[in-house]
Amino acid sequence: MIPYGCQSIDEDDIAAVADVLRGDFLTGGPAVDRFEAALAAAVDTPHAVACANGTAALHLAMMALGIGPGATVVVPSLTFLASANAARYVGAEVRFADVDPETGLLTPDTLEVALQRGGAASVHAVVVVHLNGRCADLDGISKVTQRYGLKLVEDACHAVGGAGQVAGRRAMVGSCPASDLACFSFHPVKTIAMGEGGAVTTRSQEIADRVRRMRNHGMTRDPETFLDREEGFAPDGSPNPWYYEMHEPGFNYRATDIHCALGESQLRKLPVFLARRRALAARYNRLLAGLAPAVVPVPRLAEDDGWHLYAVLIDFAGLGHSRADVMRGLRERGIGTQVHYFPVHRQPYYRRRYGALDLPGADAYYRCQLSLPLHMRMAEEDVDRVVAALADVLGLAGEVPSSRAGAA
C-alpha cells in the first residue's frame, strides 16, 4: 500500500529521542530551546515558540493577537477545520472567504469580497492558508490587510520550507515580513514530523512572549511583570524564587523534549526532504501531462513550494466517474488518496451559524480535488505506479507516457 502521506524516520531521529529519554528532562528542557532556535533559523525569523500541535498554534495566535468576542476573523473556506475553529475558541466570529478555483488559495480579490460582505468594521484579523505547501500571495493580501488595519495570521501548517515573494524579495514562509505571525504543524503526514507538534513564529518579541505565557497556563515568572509586590518579592527587594503569577488563563499547550528532539533531528533534513518531494512532483507532472485536461495538477511554484501535498484536479463528472469510486479503485490497487478539503463553510456547525454561503471557487476546487501520494518513502517507480493506476481507474490508460529509468 502506498499511503498519500507518512513520516520518514531514520536512526538519527531515533537516537535523538533516545538521548532525551536517557537524560534529565522529558519536558520543559533544553531540547525545546534547541528546536525553537533551529526552527527560527530555518524560516529566517527571530522568534519561534513550540507547542503541542498546529491547532494549538492557531489558538495561541488568536489569543496572542487579542482576538475575542465581538471580533470577526476572515478565513478561506478551503482549509482544515482548525483554521476557522481557532477563532471560535476565543469567542470570535468567522467570515468565510472564497478561493481561487485552480489553486484553492485565498487571493487579494476574494479577501476584498469577503471584507465587503457584511462590512469590514467588525473584522479584526485575516487567516491566510498556504494550501498544499504553496505560499499564497502574501504581498497582495498584506496590502489589503494593511489598508483596513487588520492583523494577518499565516496558517503555514502545510508549508514549512516554502517561500514567497514579499515587496519584490524572496521570503521564507514563517519569516513574517508581512504578517503578525505564522503557525506550523508537524503531524506525521507533514514534511517534517514530531509525532504531534506545532509552532508559532513571529518577528515580534511581544507576541512571542505572550504565546509562551499562553502555552503554559498563562503563567509568568518574570519579576518585572509581577503585580503582587508583597508575595512576589522578599523584604530586601529580591524576587522570591518560587513565585509565579497568572494574569489571565492560558492552556497547557507545551511541546515536550521528546517531540522537540525528533523535530530538531527532522529539521536538519528539511532541504533533503524538500528536494526529494520536488523531484517526485516533477515526475508526476511529466507522467500526468498525457491525462490533461481530464487530470490537471494544481498549479505550483516548484522551487519555492513547501510540497506537503501533491494535489490534482480531476473532471470526475466529465469522465463519468464518482470521486468515491475512483478512490476505492485506487485503494484496490494499493494506492492511498485523500481529499483536501471539504469546504469549511459547508460544515453543519457553520451552516447552522451563518447560513448557506455561495463560494463558487471553493466549491469548484473541492469538487475536482484529489491528493495523490507524496512522501519520502516513495521511489520514482511508485509515482509511475500511481499514475498508471489512476489512468486505469479513469479509463485513460492509453494516455500515460511510458516511463524511462532516471526520468525527472
Protein backbone atom coordinates (compact mmCIF):
# COMPACT_ATOMS: atom_id res chain seq x y z
CA MET A 1 0.00 0.00 0.00
CA ILE A 2 1.32 3.47 -0.91
CA PRO A 3 -0.28 5.93 1.57
CA TYR A 4 -0.94 9.51 0.49
CA GLY A 5 1.43 10.72 3.25
CA CYS A 6 3.58 9.36 6.06
CA GLN A 7 6.65 10.18 8.14
CA SER A 8 10.25 9.28 7.33
CA ILE A 9 12.14 8.25 10.49
CA ASP A 10 15.84 7.34 10.40
CA GLU A 11 18.24 6.00 13.01
CA ASP A 12 19.46 9.52 13.78
CA ASP A 13 15.87 10.53 14.68
CA ILE A 14 15.57 7.51 16.97
CA ALA A 15 18.92 8.32 18.56
CA ALA A 16 17.87 11.92 19.22
CA VAL A 17 14.74 10.76 21.05
CA ALA A 18 16.67 8.08 22.95
CA ASP A 19 19.13 10.73 24.17
CA VAL A 20 16.25 12.67 25.70
CA LEU A 21 14.85 9.55 27.34
CA ARG A 22 18.24 8.91 28.92
CA GLY A 23 18.56 12.50 30.09
CA ASP A 24 17.09 14.58 32.90
CA PHE A 25 14.29 16.43 31.05
CA LEU A 26 11.29 14.94 29.30
CA THR A 27 9.53 18.30 29.03
CA GLY A 28 10.44 21.92 29.64
CA GLY A 29 14.11 21.22 28.99
CA PRO A 30 16.91 22.13 26.57
CA ALA A 31 15.59 20.13 23.62
CA VAL A 32 12.66 22.55 23.39
CA ASP A 33 15.03 25.53 23.28
CA ARG A 34 17.20 23.86 20.64
CA PHE A 35 14.24 23.05 18.42
CA GLU A 36 12.89 26.57 18.67
CA ALA A 37 16.28 28.03 17.75
CA ALA A 38 16.65 25.62 14.83
CA LEU A 39 13.17 26.39 13.51
CA ALA A 40 13.71 30.15 13.81
CA ALA A 41 16.93 29.80 11.82
CA ALA A 42 15.29 27.55 9.21
CA VAL A 43 12.48 30.01 8.46
CA ASP A 44 14.57 33.18 8.99
CA THR A 45 12.71 34.75 11.88
CA PRO A 46 13.86 35.92 15.33
CA HIS A 47 11.23 34.06 17.38
CA ALA A 48 9.81 30.54 17.26
CA VAL A 49 7.66 29.06 20.03
CA ALA A 50 6.99 25.32 20.01
CA CYS A 51 3.62 23.97 21.09
CA ALA A 52 1.55 20.80 21.20
CA ASN A 53 0.23 20.82 17.61
CA GLY A 54 -0.84 23.04 14.73
CA THR A 55 -4.32 23.58 16.17
CA ALA A 56 -2.77 24.81 19.42
CA ALA A 57 -0.58 27.15 17.37
CA LEU A 58 -3.64 28.68 15.70
CA HIS A 59 -5.45 29.02 19.04
CA LEU A 60 -2.39 30.65 20.57
CA ALA A 61 -2.22 33.01 17.60
CA MET A 62 -5.75 34.23 18.25
CA MET A 63 -5.02 34.78 21.94
CA ALA A 64 -1.70 36.49 21.26
CA LEU A 65 -3.38 38.99 18.95
CA GLY A 66 -6.14 39.73 21.43
CA ILE A 67 -8.92 38.34 19.24
CA GLY A 68 -12.10 37.67 21.20
CA PRO A 69 -15.86 38.22 21.45
CA GLY A 70 -17.07 40.99 19.16
CA ALA A 71 -14.30 40.38 16.65
CA THR A 72 -14.59 38.71 13.24
CA VAL A 73 -11.83 36.72 11.56
CA VAL A 74 -11.80 36.14 7.80
CA VAL A 75 -10.78 32.58 6.90
CA PRO A 76 -10.67 30.91 3.48
CA SER A 77 -13.21 28.11 3.27
CA LEU A 78 -10.76 25.73 1.60
CA THR A 79 -8.73 24.64 4.62
CA PHE A 80 -8.70 22.27 7.58
CA LEU A 81 -11.27 22.82 10.33
CA ALA A 82 -8.73 24.27 12.79
CA SER A 83 -8.11 27.41 10.73
CA ALA A 84 -11.68 28.53 11.42
CA ASN A 85 -12.26 26.80 14.75
CA ALA A 86 -9.40 28.72 16.37
CA ALA A 87 -11.40 31.93 16.02
CA ARG A 88 -14.43 30.29 17.62
CA TYR A 89 -12.29 29.03 20.52
CA VAL A 90 -11.76 32.66 21.60
CA GLY A 91 -15.36 33.70 21.00
CA ALA A 92 -14.82 35.48 17.69
CA GLU A 93 -16.99 35.06 14.62
CA VAL A 94 -15.77 33.60 11.32
CA ARG A 95 -16.38 35.13 7.92
CA PHE A 96 -15.53 32.70 5.16
CA ALA A 97 -13.74 33.90 2.05
CA ASP A 98 -13.76 32.26 -1.35
CA VAL A 99 -10.60 30.98 -3.03
CA ASP A 100 -9.11 30.66 -6.47
CA PRO A 101 -10.79 27.61 -8.09
CA GLU A 102 -7.50 26.37 -9.60
CA THR A 103 -5.15 26.75 -6.61
CA GLY A 104 -7.56 26.70 -3.65
CA LEU A 105 -5.77 29.77 -2.28
CA LEU A 106 -7.13 32.98 -0.78
CA THR A 107 -6.41 35.89 -3.11
CA PRO A 108 -6.47 39.68 -2.62
CA ASP A 109 -9.68 39.82 -4.66
CA THR A 110 -11.51 37.08 -2.76
CA LEU A 111 -10.37 38.66 0.52
CA GLU A 112 -11.72 42.04 -0.60
CA VAL A 113 -15.08 40.49 -1.48
CA ALA A 114 -15.28 38.83 1.94
CA LEU A 115 -14.46 42.08 3.71
CA GLN A 116 -17.20 43.91 1.84
CA ARG A 117 -19.75 41.15 2.52
CA GLY A 118 -21.17 42.25 5.85
CA GLY A 119 -18.78 45.19 6.14
CA ALA A 120 -15.18 45.43 7.27
CA ALA A 121 -15.80 47.32 10.51
CA SER A 122 -16.13 44.20 12.70
CA VAL A 123 -13.21 42.36 11.10
CA HIS A 124 -10.06 42.28 13.21
CA ALA A 125 -7.89 39.64 11.54
CA VAL A 126 -7.37 37.52 8.45
CA VAL A 127 -6.04 33.96 8.27
CA VAL A 128 -4.24 33.16 5.02
CA VAL A 129 -3.66 29.44 4.33
CA HIS A 130 -0.67 28.21 2.34
CA LEU A 131 -2.61 25.26 0.93
CA ASN A 132 -0.72 22.12 -0.20
CA GLY A 133 2.59 23.87 0.51
CA ARG A 134 2.23 26.73 -1.97
CA CYS A 135 2.62 30.19 -0.48
CA ALA A 136 -0.39 32.41 -1.08
CA ASP A 137 0.04 35.92 -2.47
CA LEU A 138 1.26 37.43 0.78
CA ASP A 139 2.31 40.62 -0.94
CA GLY A 140 -1.14 41.33 -2.34
CA ILE A 141 -3.05 40.04 0.69
CA SER A 142 -0.96 42.08 3.14
CA LYS A 143 -1.67 45.25 1.14
CA VAL A 144 -5.38 44.61 1.69
CA THR A 145 -4.99 43.90 5.41
CA GLN A 146 -2.80 46.99 5.87
CA ARG A 147 -5.35 49.16 4.10
CA TYR A 148 -8.03 48.01 6.54
CA GLY A 149 -5.75 47.90 9.60
CA LEU A 150 -6.18 44.15 10.13
CA LYS A 151 -3.98 41.55 11.77
CA LEU A 152 -2.63 38.87 9.43
CA VAL A 153 -2.08 35.26 10.52
CA GLU A 154 -0.34 32.75 8.25
CA ASP A 155 -1.63 29.20 8.53
CA ALA A 156 1.63 27.64 7.34
CA CYS A 157 0.83 24.13 8.56
CA HIS A 158 1.39 22.81 5.00
CA ALA A 159 4.34 24.97 4.09
CA VAL A 160 7.46 24.54 6.22
CA GLY A 161 10.45 25.20 3.97
CA GLY A 162 8.38 27.07 1.40
CA ALA A 163 8.86 30.65 0.31
CA GLY A 164 7.02 33.50 -1.37
CA GLN A 165 7.55 36.99 -2.74
CA VAL A 166 7.02 39.99 -0.47
CA ALA A 167 7.91 43.50 -1.65
CA GLY A 168 9.90 42.05 -4.53
CA ARG A 169 12.05 39.85 -2.32
CA ARG A 170 12.01 36.13 -1.62
CA ALA A 171 10.81 35.45 1.92
CA MET A 172 10.67 32.13 3.74
CA VAL A 173 7.23 31.08 4.91
CA GLY A 174 7.29 31.83 8.63
CA SER A 175 9.72 34.74 8.40
CA CYS A 176 6.66 37.02 8.72
CA PRO A 177 7.79 40.14 6.81
CA ALA A 178 4.14 40.96 6.02
CA SER A 179 2.22 39.10 8.74
CA ASP A 180 1.97 39.23 12.52
CA LEU A 181 2.77 35.55 12.98
CA ALA A 182 2.77 32.16 11.29
CA CYS A 183 1.54 28.80 12.56
CA PHE A 184 3.10 25.42 11.75
CA SER A 185 2.12 21.79 12.21
CA PHE A 186 4.49 18.82 12.47
CA HIS A 187 1.99 15.98 12.25
CA PRO A 188 3.42 12.76 10.73
CA VAL A 189 1.97 13.44 7.26
CA LYS A 190 3.74 16.82 7.11
CA THR A 191 7.19 17.35 5.59
CA ILE A 192 8.86 17.07 8.98
CA ALA A 193 7.32 15.12 11.85
CA MET A 194 7.30 15.48 15.63
CA GLY A 195 4.60 12.86 16.20
CA GLU A 196 2.37 15.70 17.28
CA GLY A 197 3.76 19.20 17.40
CA GLY A 198 3.41 22.76 16.23
CA ALA A 199 4.96 26.18 16.46
CA VAL A 200 4.29 29.90 16.17
CA THR A 201 6.88 32.12 14.51
CA THR A 202 6.92 35.92 14.62
CA ARG A 203 9.17 38.95 14.36
CA SER A 204 7.54 40.49 17.45
CA GLN A 205 9.09 39.96 20.87
CA GLU A 206 5.79 40.97 22.46
CA ILE A 207 3.81 38.35 20.52
CA ALA A 208 6.41 35.66 21.21
CA ASP A 209 6.33 36.41 24.96
CA ARG A 210 2.55 36.26 25.01
CA VAL A 211 2.47 32.96 23.10
CA ARG A 212 4.96 31.49 25.60
CA ARG A 213 2.78 32.53 28.52
CA MET A 214 -0.43 31.30 26.99
CA ARG A 215 1.01 27.87 26.11
CA ASN A 216 1.83 27.42 29.84
CA HIS A 217 -1.44 28.24 31.63
CA GLY A 218 -0.84 32.00 31.35
CA MET A 219 1.90 31.79 33.97
CA THR A 220 4.75 34.26 34.25
CA ARG A 221 7.89 34.02 36.37
CA ASP A 222 9.27 37.35 35.15
CA PRO A 223 9.67 39.62 38.20
CA GLU A 224 9.19 42.70 36.03
CA THR A 225 5.60 41.63 35.39
CA PHE A 226 4.62 40.77 38.99
CA LEU A 227 1.57 42.65 40.26
CA ASP A 228 1.60 41.37 43.87
CA ARG A 229 4.72 43.05 45.23
CA GLU A 230 4.28 41.63 48.73
CA GLU A 231 4.17 37.99 47.63
CA GLY A 232 6.50 38.33 44.68
CA PHE A 233 9.46 39.88 46.47
CA ALA A 234 11.42 39.39 49.67
CA PRO A 235 11.90 42.29 52.13
CA ASP A 236 15.28 43.05 50.53
CA GLY A 237 13.59 43.54 47.14
CA SER A 238 14.84 40.32 45.55
CA PRO A 239 12.21 38.23 43.72
CA ASN A 240 11.01 35.14 45.53
CA PRO A 241 12.42 32.18 43.57
CA TRP A 242 9.28 30.06 43.88
CA TYR A 243 6.78 32.72 42.91
CA TYR A 244 4.72 32.97 39.71
CA GLU A 245 1.61 34.83 38.64
CA MET A 246 -1.25 34.31 36.22
CA HIS A 247 -2.75 37.49 34.82
CA GLU A 248 -5.14 35.64 32.50
CA PRO A 249 -5.82 31.94 31.98
CA GLY A 250 -3.93 30.07 29.31
CA PHE A 251 -3.65 26.42 28.34
CA ASN A 252 -1.26 23.51 28.65
CA TYR A 253 -0.05 23.63 25.06
CA ARG A 254 3.58 22.83 25.80
CA ALA A 255 5.69 20.68 23.50
CA THR A 256 7.81 18.00 25.19
CA ASP A 257 11.56 17.49 24.87
CA ILE A 258 10.80 14.10 23.31
CA HIS A 259 8.84 15.67 20.47
CA CYS A 260 11.25 18.57 20.05
CA ALA A 261 14.29 16.28 19.85
CA LEU A 262 12.60 14.47 16.98
CA GLY A 263 11.64 17.80 15.41
CA GLU A 264 15.18 19.17 15.58
CA SER A 265 16.57 15.99 14.01
CA GLN A 266 13.96 16.18 11.24
CA LEU A 267 14.68 19.87 10.62
CA ARG A 268 18.30 19.09 9.78
CA LYS A 269 16.98 17.03 6.87
CA LEU A 270 14.46 19.57 5.62
CA PRO A 271 16.47 20.54 2.50
CA VAL A 272 16.84 16.86 1.56
CA PHE A 273 13.15 16.19 2.22
CA LEU A 274 12.09 19.14 0.05
CA ALA A 275 14.44 18.21 -2.78
CA ARG A 276 13.10 14.67 -2.84
CA ARG A 277 9.48 15.79 -2.77
CA ARG A 278 10.21 18.27 -5.55
CA ALA A 279 11.74 15.52 -7.69
CA LEU A 280 8.75 13.23 -7.14
CA ALA A 281 6.40 16.08 -8.03
CA ALA A 282 8.32 16.77 -11.24
CA ARG A 283 7.95 13.14 -12.23
CA TYR A 284 4.22 13.30 -11.52
CA ASN A 285 3.97 16.42 -13.71
CA ARG A 286 5.65 14.69 -16.64
CA LEU A 287 3.64 11.49 -16.40
CA LEU A 288 0.31 13.24 -15.87
CA ALA A 289 0.75 15.52 -18.87
CA GLY A 290 -0.87 12.92 -21.12
CA LEU A 291 -4.02 12.88 -18.99
CA ALA A 292 -4.79 16.59 -19.44
CA PRO A 293 -7.28 18.16 -19.47
CA ALA A 294 -9.13 15.38 -17.63
CA VAL A 295 -6.47 15.38 -14.90
CA VAL A 296 -4.53 18.58 -14.16
CA PRO A 297 -2.00 19.14 -11.36
CA VAL A 298 -2.86 22.10 -9.13
CA PRO A 299 -0.56 24.96 -10.25
CA ARG A 300 2.56 25.21 -8.09
CA LEU A 301 5.73 27.29 -7.73
CA ALA A 302 8.16 24.39 -7.99
CA GLU A 303 11.33 25.80 -6.40
CA ASP A 304 9.60 27.79 -3.66
CA ASP A 305 6.86 25.29 -2.81
CA GLY A 306 6.69 23.51 0.54
CA TRP A 307 5.36 20.40 -1.30
CA HIS A 308 3.25 18.99 1.52
CA LEU A 309 0.62 17.54 -0.83
CA TYR A 310 0.55 16.62 -4.49
CA ALA A 311 -2.93 17.76 -5.50
CA VAL A 312 -4.66 17.24 -8.83
CA LEU A 313 -7.98 18.43 -10.23
CA ILE A 314 -9.95 15.69 -11.97
CA ASP A 315 -13.01 16.17 -14.17
CA PHE A 316 -14.91 13.38 -12.44
CA ALA A 317 -18.25 14.39 -13.94
CA GLY A 318 -16.89 14.63 -17.47
CA LEU A 319 -15.21 11.24 -17.17
CA GLY A 320 -18.37 9.64 -15.78
CA HIS A 321 -16.72 8.51 -12.53
CA SER A 322 -17.55 9.47 -8.97
CA ARG A 323 -14.64 10.50 -6.77
CA ALA A 324 -15.60 7.84 -4.24
CA ASP A 325 -15.41 5.13 -6.88
CA VAL A 326 -12.04 6.42 -8.10
CA MET A 327 -10.64 6.42 -4.56
CA ARG A 328 -11.96 2.92 -3.96
CA GLY A 329 -10.49 1.74 -7.26
CA LEU A 330 -7.10 3.18 -6.36
CA ARG A 331 -7.22 1.60 -2.91
CA GLU A 332 -7.93 -1.78 -4.50
CA ARG A 333 -4.72 -1.22 -6.48
CA GLY A 334 -2.74 -0.35 -3.34
CA ILE A 335 -2.86 3.44 -3.70
CA GLY A 336 -3.98 5.69 -0.86
CA THR A 337 -5.52 9.09 -1.64
CA GLN A 338 -7.29 11.85 0.26
CA VAL A 339 -9.37 14.98 -0.34
CA HIS A 340 -8.12 18.35 0.94
CA TYR A 341 -10.64 19.71 1.87
CA PHE A 342 -14.40 19.72 2.21
CA PRO A 343 -15.14 23.49 2.33
CA VAL A 344 -15.49 24.54 5.94
CA HIS A 345 -18.40 26.89 5.23
CA ARG A 346 -20.44 23.78 4.33
CA GLN A 347 -19.80 22.01 7.63
CA PRO A 348 -23.05 21.58 9.60
CA TYR A 349 -21.87 23.70 12.53
CA TYR A 350 -21.01 26.67 10.34
CA ARG A 351 -24.09 26.29 8.12
CA ARG A 352 -26.27 26.47 11.25
CA ARG A 353 -24.38 29.51 12.48
CA TYR A 354 -24.02 31.54 9.29
CA GLY A 355 -26.46 30.00 6.82
CA ALA A 356 -25.74 28.80 3.31
CA LEU A 357 -22.98 30.71 1.51
CA ASP A 358 -22.20 30.93 -2.18
CA LEU A 359 -18.44 30.46 -2.53
CA PRO A 360 -18.09 29.07 -6.05
CA GLY A 361 -14.30 28.97 -6.11
CA ALA A 362 -14.09 26.78 -3.01
CA ASP A 363 -16.87 24.53 -4.24
CA ALA A 364 -15.29 24.15 -7.70
CA TYR A 365 -11.88 23.29 -6.28
CA TYR A 366 -13.34 20.80 -3.82
CA ARG A 367 -15.46 19.14 -6.49
CA CYS A 368 -12.38 18.14 -8.52
CA GLN A 369 -9.57 17.80 -5.95
CA LEU A 370 -7.67 14.63 -5.09
CA SER A 371 -4.35 14.31 -3.23
CA LEU A 372 -2.01 11.65 -4.61
CA PRO A 373 0.79 10.03 -2.56
CA LEU A 374 3.81 12.23 -1.88
CA HIS A 375 6.34 11.32 0.80
CA MET A 376 9.94 10.34 1.40
CA ARG A 377 9.32 6.60 1.38
CA MET A 378 8.31 6.69 -2.28
CA ALA A 379 10.60 5.56 -5.09
CA GLU A 380 10.32 7.04 -8.57
CA GLU A 381 8.70 3.79 -9.69
CA ASP A 382 5.95 4.39 -7.13
CA VAL A 383 4.99 7.58 -8.98
CA ASP A 384 4.75 5.56 -12.19
CA ARG A 385 2.56 3.03 -10.38
CA VAL A 386 0.24 5.73 -9.00
CA VAL A 387 -0.22 7.43 -12.36
CA ALA A 388 -0.77 4.12 -14.18
CA ALA A 389 -3.36 3.07 -11.60
CA LEU A 390 -5.13 6.44 -11.81
CA ALA A 391 -5.24 6.25 -15.61
CA ASP A 392 -6.57 2.70 -15.42
CA VAL A 393 -9.34 3.58 -12.98
CA LEU A 394 -10.34 6.62 -15.07
CA GLY A 395 -10.27 4.68 -18.34
CA LEU A 396 -7.35 6.72 -19.68
CA ALA A 397 -4.65 4.04 -19.58
CA GLY A 398 -3.52 4.63 -23.15
CA GLU A 399 -2.74 8.28 -22.43
CA VAL A 400 0.11 7.76 -19.94
CA PRO A 401 3.58 8.28 -21.42
CA SER A 402 5.98 5.39 -20.98
CA SER A 403 8.39 5.62 -18.06
CA ARG A 404 12.11 5.95 -18.51
CA ALA A 405 14.65 4.99 -15.88
CA GLY A 406 16.03 8.09 -14.22
CA ALA A 407 13.31 10.40 -15.60
CA ALA A 408 12.81 13.53 -13.56
